[in-house]
Amino acid sequence: MENSRRDEPRYVDCSHTIHDGLVTYRGLPATVIADHLSRVASRGHYAPGTEFQISRIEMVASTGTYLDCPFHRYEDGKDVAGVALEDMVDLKGTVVRAERRTGRAIGLEFFEGQEILNRAVLVHTGWDRHWETEKYFEGHPYLTEDVAVYLCDRGAKLVGIDSMNIDDTRGKTRPVHSILLRAGILIVEHMCRLEKLPDDGFTFNAVPPAFKGVGSFPVRAYARIG
């Protein structure tokens, strides 16, 4: 029995919990989670001892840990309903360790020699430790434009980061989003717990509901190890 448990796969949840009042990105509205139908109110509709609750959720699509698809950046790009499941599930994963970087920019030196082709490339910066603090919105790490080009050239399938944004947000351009999404490479932002993953030897999954006309949506991002 002990050996059998040891051989079972282990799962790591790489997504933040969404709750009432959550602010994911400064300037965007907080999430509202409330009762549409409360348990008390439902009692009048059912037999004694039977009750239900139905939630009402108000949020922007870029909430919590979310996936960006091409439609987020490009009008002619695929929306979340148009992205194939095989581009989001059971992807071989590579973790790029950038928590000991110097400065905010994460450059090519972290990616050269890594397994990239058809992989989910997850960039571990350690910035998730600031989640739900003011620090999270200031001075976050980001990828450089040449890294985005490199990931495209090497055939990445998805790129994730445990930071507020994959781009430098101090200016008005977003080269990393632009390059990756034009190439059909999906992006997952605001990840967490990447320190719990091995550098290799796992599969990654991040699937949103199939909404038409939506370019970003929260996901339950997770890794399967073993």
C-alpha atoms as a PDB file:
ATOM      1  CA  MET A   1       0.000   0.000   0.000  1.00  0.00           C
ATOM      2  CA  GLU A   2       2.856   2.386   0.857  1.00  0.00           C
ATOM      3  CA  ASN A   3       4.528   1.826  -2.547  1.00  0.00           C
ATOM      4  CA  SER A   4       1.200   2.308  -4.309  1.00  0.00           C
ATOM      5  CA  ARG A   5       0.681   5.709  -2.653  1.00  0.00           C
ATOM      6  CA  ARG A   6       4.219   6.744  -3.539  1.00  0.00           C
ATOM      7  CA  ASP A   7       3.544   5.963  -7.221  1.00  0.00           C
ATOM      8  CA  GLU A   8       0.326   7.993  -7.366  1.00  0.00           C
ATOM      9  CA  PRO A   9       0.479  11.359  -9.176  1.00  0.00           C
ATOM     10  CA  ARG A  10       0.766  14.520  -7.109  1.00  0.00           C
ATOM     11  CA  TYR A  11      -1.130  17.679  -8.020  1.00  0.00           C
ATOM     12  CA  VAL A  12      -0.058  21.266  -7.366  1.00  0.00           C
ATOM     13  CA  ASP A  13      -2.626  24.051  -7.609  1.00  0.00           C
ATOM     14  CA  CYS A  14      -0.915  27.020  -9.283  1.00  0.00           C
ATOM     15  CA  SER A  15      -3.910  29.367  -9.131  1.00  0.00           C
ATOM     16  CA  HIS A  16      -5.044  31.946  -6.581  1.00  0.00           C
ATOM     17  CA  THR A  17      -8.427  31.669  -4.876  1.00  0.00           C
ATOM     18  CA  ILE A  18     -11.030  34.163  -6.127  1.00  0.00           C
ATOM     19  CA  HIS A  19     -13.139  35.639  -3.328  1.00  0.00           C
ATOM     20  CA  ASP A  20     -15.531  38.495  -2.712  1.00  0.00           C
ATOM     21  CA  GLY A  21     -13.620  41.801  -2.756  1.00  0.00           C
ATOM     22  CA  LEU A  22     -10.577  40.484  -4.637  1.00  0.00           C
ATOM     23  CA  VAL A  23      -8.685  43.121  -6.631  1.00  0.00           C
ATOM     24  CA  THR A  24      -6.417  41.417  -9.165  1.00  0.00           C
ATOM     25  CA  TYR A  25      -5.153  44.458 -11.048  1.00  0.00           C
ATOM     26  CA  ARG A  26      -5.135  48.001  -9.702  1.00  0.00           C
ATOM     27  CA  GLY A  27      -7.758  50.105 -11.486  1.00  0.00           C
ATOM     28  CA  LEU A  28     -10.060  47.187 -12.291  1.00  0.00           C
ATOM     29  CA  PRO A  29     -13.144  46.611 -10.114  1.00  0.00           C
ATOM     30  CA  ALA A  30     -13.143  44.191  -7.217  1.00  0.00           C
ATOM     31  CA  THR A  31     -14.931  40.858  -7.520  1.00  0.00           C
ATOM     32  CA  VAL A  32     -18.428  40.661  -6.039  1.00  0.00           C
ATOM     33  CA  ILE A  33     -19.721  37.276  -4.873  1.00  0.00           C
ATOM     34  CA  ALA A  34     -23.169  37.241  -3.302  1.00  0.00           C
ATOM     35  CA  ASP A  35     -26.357  35.214  -3.089  1.00  0.00           C
ATOM     36  CA  HIS A  36     -28.728  35.259  -6.023  1.00  0.00           C
ATOM     37  CA  LEU A  37     -30.840  32.796  -4.067  1.00  0.00           C
ATOM     38  CA  SER A  38     -29.995  32.310  -0.402  1.00  0.00           C
ATOM     39  CA  ARG A  39     -30.571  29.040   1.455  1.00  0.00           C
ATOM     40  CA  VAL A  40     -33.140  30.728   3.679  1.00  0.00           C
ATOM     41  CA  ALA A  41     -35.055  32.142   0.686  1.00  0.00           C
ATOM     42  CA  SER A  42     -34.949  28.773  -1.109  1.00  0.00           C
ATOM     43  CA  ARG A  43     -36.843  27.006   1.665  1.00  0.00           C
ATOM     44  CA  GLY A  44     -40.122  28.387   0.368  1.00  0.00           C
ATOM     45  CA  HIS A  45     -39.611  26.564  -2.946  1.00  0.00           C
ATOM     46  CA  TYR A  46     -38.825  23.064  -1.643  1.00  0.00           C
ATOM     47  CA  ALA A  47     -39.938  20.427   0.807  1.00  0.00           C
ATOM     48  CA  PRO A  48     -38.981  20.816   4.485  1.00  0.00           C
ATOM     49  CA  GLY A  49     -35.278  20.112   5.002  1.00  0.00           C
ATOM     50  CA  THR A  50     -34.405  20.786   1.352  1.00  0.00           C
ATOM     51  CA  GLU A  51     -32.565  24.005   0.527  1.00  0.00           C
ATOM     52  CA  PHE A  52     -30.160  25.345  -2.106  1.00  0.00           C
ATOM     53  CA  GLN A  53     -27.925  28.345  -2.702  1.00  0.00           C
ATOM     54  CA  ILE A  54     -27.282  30.004  -6.081  1.00  0.00           C
ATOM     55  CA  SER A  55     -24.424  32.498  -6.275  1.00  0.00           C
ATOM     56  CA  ARG A  56     -24.226  35.730  -8.240  1.00  0.00           C
ATOM     57  CA  ILE A  57     -20.755  36.747  -9.419  1.00  0.00           C
ATOM     58  CA  GLU A  58     -19.690  40.090 -10.852  1.00  0.00           C
ATOM     59  CA  MET A  59     -16.118  40.391 -12.076  1.00  0.00           C
ATOM     60  CA  VAL A  60     -13.973  41.441 -14.985  1.00  0.00           C
ATOM     61  CA  ALA A  61     -12.594  38.595 -17.067  1.00  0.00           C
ATOM     62  CA  SER A  62      -9.018  39.347 -15.950  1.00  0.00           C
ATOM     63  CA  THR A  63      -9.506  38.114 -12.387  1.00  0.00           C
ATOM     64  CA  GLY A  64      -7.376  35.836 -10.254  1.00  0.00           C
ATOM     65  CA  THR A  65      -5.132  33.476 -12.195  1.00  0.00           C
ATOM     66  CA  TYR A  66      -6.307  33.812 -15.784  1.00  0.00           C
ATOM     67  CA  LEU A  67      -5.501  32.736 -19.317  1.00  0.00           C
ATOM     68  CA  ASP A  68      -5.010  35.225 -22.159  1.00  0.00           C
ATOM     69  CA  CYS A  69      -5.742  33.988 -25.672  1.00  0.00           C
ATOM     70  CA  PRO A  70      -5.157  35.816 -28.994  1.00  0.00           C
ATOM     71  CA  PHE A  71      -8.547  37.621 -28.940  1.00  0.00           C
ATOM     72  CA  HIS A  72      -7.398  39.517 -25.834  1.00  0.00           C
ATOM     73  CA  ARG A  73      -4.939  41.400 -28.046  1.00  0.00           C
ATOM     74  CA  TYR A  74      -6.195  40.875 -31.611  1.00  0.00           C
ATOM     75  CA  GLU A  75      -9.727  41.225 -32.957  1.00  0.00           C
ATOM     76  CA  ASP A  76      -9.129  38.409 -35.451  1.00  0.00           C
ATOM     77  CA  GLY A  77      -7.604  36.081 -32.855  1.00  0.00           C
ATOM     78  CA  LYS A  78      -9.185  33.029 -31.229  1.00  0.00           C
ATOM     79  CA  ASP A  79     -11.337  33.680 -28.167  1.00  0.00           C
ATOM     80  CA  VAL A  80     -11.395  31.317 -25.184  1.00  0.00           C
ATOM     81  CA  ALA A  81     -14.155  29.251 -26.838  1.00  0.00           C
ATOM     82  CA  GLY A  82     -12.023  28.870 -29.944  1.00  0.00           C
ATOM     83  CA  VAL A  83      -8.835  27.612 -28.279  1.00  0.00           C
ATOM     84  CA  ALA A  84      -8.428  23.846 -28.678  1.00  0.00           C
ATOM     85  CA  LEU A  85      -8.298  21.787 -25.493  1.00  0.00           C
ATOM     86  CA  GLU A  86      -5.037  20.190 -26.599  1.00  0.00           C
ATOM     87  CA  ASP A  87      -3.426  23.640 -26.367  1.00  0.00           C
ATOM     88  CA  MET A  88      -4.369  23.918 -22.672  1.00  0.00           C
ATOM     89  CA  VAL A  89      -4.273  20.428 -21.155  1.00  0.00           C
ATOM     90  CA  ASP A  90      -1.656  17.754 -20.520  1.00  0.00           C
ATOM     91  CA  LEU A  91       1.161  20.014 -21.703  1.00  0.00           C
ATOM     92  CA  LYS A  92       4.680  18.961 -20.815  1.00  0.00           C
ATOM     93  CA  GLY A  93       6.018  21.645 -18.513  1.00  0.00           C
ATOM     94  CA  THR A  94       9.297  23.468 -17.940  1.00  0.00           C
ATOM     95  CA  VAL A  95       9.892  25.776 -14.977  1.00  0.00           C
ATOM     96  CA  VAL A  96      12.338  28.634 -15.548  1.00  0.00           C
ATOM     97  CA  ARG A  97      13.805  29.780 -12.226  1.00  0.00           C
ATOM     98  CA  ALA A  98      14.135  33.570 -12.179  1.00  0.00           C
ATOM     99  CA  GLU A  99      13.609  34.316  -8.501  1.00  0.00           C
ATOM    100  CA  ARG A 100      17.295  35.188  -8.086  1.00  0.00           C
ATOM    101  CA  ARG A 101      17.365  37.667 -10.946  1.00  0.00           C
ATOM    102  CA  THR A 102      19.080  41.029 -10.755  1.00  0.00           C
ATOM    103  CA  GLY A 103      16.536  43.753 -11.468  1.00  0.00           C
ATOM    104  CA  ARG A 104      13.031  43.428 -12.854  1.00  0.00           C
ATOM    105  CA  ALA A 105      13.684  42.317 -16.442  1.00  0.00           C
ATOM    106  CA  ILE A 106      13.977  38.566 -17.078  1.00  0.00           C
ATOM    107  CA  GLY A 107      16.208  38.113 -20.094  1.00  0.00           C
ATOM    108  CA  LEU A 108      17.361  35.410 -22.492  1.00  0.00           C
ATOM    109  CA  GLU A 109      19.993  34.024 -20.148  1.00  0.00           C
ATOM    110  CA  PHE A 110      17.248  32.329 -18.104  1.00  0.00           C
ATOM    111  CA  PHE A 111      15.771  30.538 -21.138  1.00  0.00           C
ATOM    112  CA  GLU A 112      18.731  29.430 -23.225  1.00  0.00           C
ATOM    113  CA  GLY A 113      19.197  25.678 -23.047  1.00  0.00           C
ATOM    114  CA  GLN A 114      15.713  25.048 -21.637  1.00  0.00           C
ATOM    115  CA  GLU A 115      13.223  22.577 -23.128  1.00  0.00           C
ATOM    116  CA  ILE A 116      10.726  24.818 -24.940  1.00  0.00           C
ATOM    117  CA  LEU A 117       9.166  23.027 -27.949  1.00  0.00           C
ATOM    118  CA  ASN A 118       5.412  22.346 -27.477  1.00  0.00           C
ATOM    119  CA  ARG A 119       5.742  23.038 -23.756  1.00  0.00           C
ATOM    120  CA  ALA A 120       4.120  25.122 -21.079  1.00  0.00           C
ATOM    121  CA  VAL A 121       6.991  27.361 -19.980  1.00  0.00           C
ATOM    122  CA  LEU A 122       6.317  28.617 -16.450  1.00  0.00           C
ATOM    123  CA  VAL A 123       8.456  31.469 -15.126  1.00  0.00           C
ATOM    124  CA  HIS A 124       9.040  31.329 -11.381  1.00  0.00           C
ATOM    125  CA  THR A 125       9.822  34.814 -10.015  1.00  0.00           C
ATOM    126  CA  GLY A 126       8.545  34.445  -6.444  1.00  0.00           C
ATOM    127  CA  TRP A 127       6.417  37.577  -6.873  1.00  0.00           C
ATOM    128  CA  ASP A 128       3.279  35.706  -5.781  1.00  0.00           C
ATOM    129  CA  ARG A 129       4.396  36.208  -2.177  1.00  0.00           C
ATOM    130  CA  HIS A 130       3.110  39.794  -2.530  1.00  0.00           C
ATOM    131  CA  TRP A 131      -0.371  38.728  -3.700  1.00  0.00           C
ATOM    132  CA  GLU A 132      -3.143  40.918  -2.240  1.00  0.00           C
ATOM    133  CA  THR A 133      -0.713  43.556  -1.003  1.00  0.00           C
ATOM    134  CA  GLU A 134       0.107  46.974  -2.448  1.00  0.00           C
ATOM    135  CA  LYS A 135       3.615  45.697  -3.167  1.00  0.00           C
ATOM    136  CA  TYR A 136       2.182  43.308  -5.770  1.00  0.00           C
ATOM    137  CA  PHE A 137       1.315  46.231  -8.065  1.00  0.00           C
ATOM    138  CA  GLU A 138       4.689  47.959  -7.872  1.00  0.00           C
ATOM    139  CA  GLY A 139       7.961  46.910  -9.490  1.00  0.00           C
ATOM    140  CA  HIS A 140       6.868  43.489 -10.696  1.00  0.00           C
ATOM    141  CA  PRO A 141       9.237  41.289 -12.759  1.00  0.00           C
ATOM    142  CA  TYR A 142       8.516  40.819 -16.470  1.00  0.00           C
ATOM    143  CA  LEU A 143       9.863  39.182 -19.633  1.00  0.00           C
ATOM    144  CA  THR A 144      11.832  41.117 -22.229  1.00  0.00           C
ATOM    145  CA  GLU A 145      10.780  41.401 -25.853  1.00  0.00           C
ATOM    146  CA  ASP A 146      13.676  39.237 -27.055  1.00  0.00           C
ATOM    147  CA  VAL A 147      12.522  36.457 -24.733  1.00  0.00           C
ATOM    148  CA  ALA A 148       9.093  36.541 -26.393  1.00  0.00           C
ATOM    149  CA  VAL A 149      10.731  36.222 -29.804  1.00  0.00           C
ATOM    150  CA  TYR A 150      12.906  33.366 -28.531  1.00  0.00           C
ATOM    151  CA  LEU A 151       9.892  31.485 -27.131  1.00  0.00           C
ATOM    152  CA  CYS A 152       8.075  31.872 -30.444  1.00  0.00           C
ATOM    153  CA  ASP A 153      11.077  30.684 -32.425  1.00  0.00           C
ATOM    154  CA  ARG A 154      11.494  27.659 -30.130  1.00  0.00           C
ATOM    155  CA  GLY A 155       7.816  26.653 -30.405  1.00  0.00           C
ATOM    156  CA  ALA A 156       6.423  27.217 -26.913  1.00  0.00           C
ATOM    157  CA  LYS A 157       2.753  26.280 -26.525  1.00  0.00           C
ATOM    158  CA  LEU A 158       1.941  28.356 -23.416  1.00  0.00           C
ATOM    159  CA  VAL A 159       3.867  30.788 -21.206  1.00  0.00           C
ATOM    160  CA  GLY A 160       2.957  31.427 -17.564  1.00  0.00           C
ATOM    161  CA  ILE A 161       4.313  33.709 -14.865  1.00  0.00           C
ATOM    162  CA  ASP A 162       3.682  34.202 -11.133  1.00  0.00           C
ATOM    163  CA  SER A 163       3.864  37.982 -11.508  1.00  0.00           C
ATOM    164  CA  MET A 164       1.325  40.771 -12.032  1.00  0.00           C
ATOM    165  CA  ASN A 165       2.023  41.009 -15.748  1.00  0.00           C
ATOM    166  CA  ILE A 166       4.232  39.248 -18.265  1.00  0.00           C
ATOM    167  CA  ASP A 167       5.042  42.675 -19.764  1.00  0.00           C
ATOM    168  CA  ASP A 168       6.677  45.786 -18.368  1.00  0.00           C
ATOM    169  CA  THR A 169       3.650  48.003 -17.641  1.00  0.00           C
ATOM    170  CA  ARG A 170       5.529  51.290 -17.235  1.00  0.00           C
ATOM    171  CA  GLY A 171       4.992  52.180 -20.897  1.00  0.00           C
ATOM    172  CA  LYS A 172       2.003  51.828 -23.215  1.00  0.00           C
ATOM    173  CA  THR A 173       3.312  49.031 -25.430  1.00  0.00           C
ATOM    174  CA  ARG A 174       2.945  45.370 -24.528  1.00  0.00           C
ATOM    175  CA  PRO A 175       5.481  43.594 -26.753  1.00  0.00           C
ATOM    176  CA  VAL A 176       5.428  40.242 -24.965  1.00  0.00           C
ATOM    177  CA  HIS A 177       1.638  39.941 -25.158  1.00  0.00           C
ATOM    178  CA  SER A 178       1.709  41.140 -28.758  1.00  0.00           C
ATOM    179  CA  ILE A 179       4.387  38.693 -29.928  1.00  0.00           C
ATOM    180  CA  LEU A 180       3.152  35.614 -28.065  1.00  0.00           C
ATOM    181  CA  LEU A 181      -0.547  36.052 -28.766  1.00  0.00           C
ATOM    182  CA  ARG A 182       0.003  36.838 -32.461  1.00  0.00           C
ATOM    183  CA  ALA A 183       1.828  33.500 -32.648  1.00  0.00           C
ATOM    184  CA  GLY A 184      -1.074  31.736 -30.910  1.00  0.00           C
ATOM    185  CA  ILE A 185       0.943  31.121 -27.734  1.00  0.00           C
ATOM    186  CA  LEU A 186      -1.325  31.300 -24.689  1.00  0.00           C
ATOM    187  CA  ILE A 187      -0.411  33.286 -21.575  1.00  0.00           C
ATOM    188  CA  VAL A 188      -1.275  32.576 -17.934  1.00  0.00           C
ATOM    189  CA  GLU A 189      -0.644  35.403 -15.456  1.00  0.00           C
ATOM    190  CA  HIS A 190      -0.883  35.710 -11.648  1.00  0.00           C
ATOM    191  CA  MET A 191       0.215  32.135 -10.997  1.00  0.00           C
ATOM    192  CA  CYS A 192       1.451  30.841  -7.637  1.00  0.00           C
ATOM    193  CA  ARG A 193       3.268  27.970  -5.899  1.00  0.00           C
ATOM    194  CA  LEU A 194       5.703  27.424  -8.754  1.00  0.00           C
ATOM    195  CA  GLU A 195       8.381  26.715  -6.146  1.00  0.00           C
ATOM    196  CA  LYS A 196       6.554  23.440  -5.457  1.00  0.00           C
ATOM    197  CA  LEU A 197       7.091  22.201  -9.028  1.00  0.00           C
ATOM    198  CA  PRO A 198      10.146  20.355 -10.339  1.00  0.00           C
ATOM    199  CA  ASP A 199      12.018  21.990 -13.208  1.00  0.00           C
ATOM    200  CA  ASP A 200      10.785  19.217 -15.518  1.00  0.00           C
ATOM    201  CA  GLY A 201       8.802  15.974 -15.398  1.00  0.00           C
ATOM    202  CA  PHE A 202       5.250  17.301 -14.976  1.00  0.00           C
ATOM    203  CA  THR A 203       2.229  18.171 -17.093  1.00  0.00           C
ATOM    204  CA  PHE A 204       0.316  21.447 -16.914  1.00  0.00           C
ATOM    205  CA  ASN A 205      -3.366  22.293 -17.347  1.00  0.00           C
ATOM    206  CA  ALA A 206      -5.194  25.643 -17.464  1.00  0.00           C
ATOM    207  CA  VAL A 207      -8.705  25.614 -18.940  1.00  0.00           C
ATOM    208  CA  PRO A 208     -11.317  28.410 -18.870  1.00  0.00           C
ATOM    209  CA  PRO A 209     -15.027  27.955 -19.703  1.00  0.00           C
ATOM    210  CA  ALA A 210     -15.822  28.217 -23.417  1.00  0.00           C
ATOM    211  CA  PHE A 211     -17.030  31.843 -23.618  1.00  0.00           C
ATOM    212  CA  LYS A 212     -17.441  33.380 -27.070  1.00  0.00           C
ATOM    213  CA  GLY A 213     -16.154  36.919 -27.532  1.00  0.00           C
ATOM    214  CA  VAL A 214     -13.913  36.767 -24.449  1.00  0.00           C
ATOM    215  CA  GLY A 215     -10.124  37.044 -24.619  1.00  0.00           C
ATOM    216  CA  SER A 216      -9.196  36.311 -20.976  1.00  0.00           C
ATOM    217  CA  PHE A 217     -10.808  34.274 -18.223  1.00  0.00           C
ATOM    218  CA  PRO A 218      -9.885  32.735 -14.844  1.00  0.00           C
ATOM    219  CA  VAL A 219      -8.531  29.194 -14.833  1.00  0.00           C
ATOM    220  CA  ARG A 220      -7.785  26.497 -12.274  1.00  0.00           C
ATOM    221  CA  ALA A 221      -4.162  26.152 -13.297  1.00  0.00           C
ATOM    222  CA  TYR A 222      -2.504  23.024 -11.967  1.00  0.00           C
ATOM    223  CA  ALA A 223       0.405  20.673 -12.504  1.00  0.00           C
ATOM    224  CA  ARG A 224       0.377  16.878 -12.396  1.00  0.00           C
ATOM    225  CA  ILE A 225       3.646  15.409 -11.167  1.00  0.00           C
ATOM    226  CA  GLY A 226       4.292  11.745 -11.786  1.00  0.00           C
END
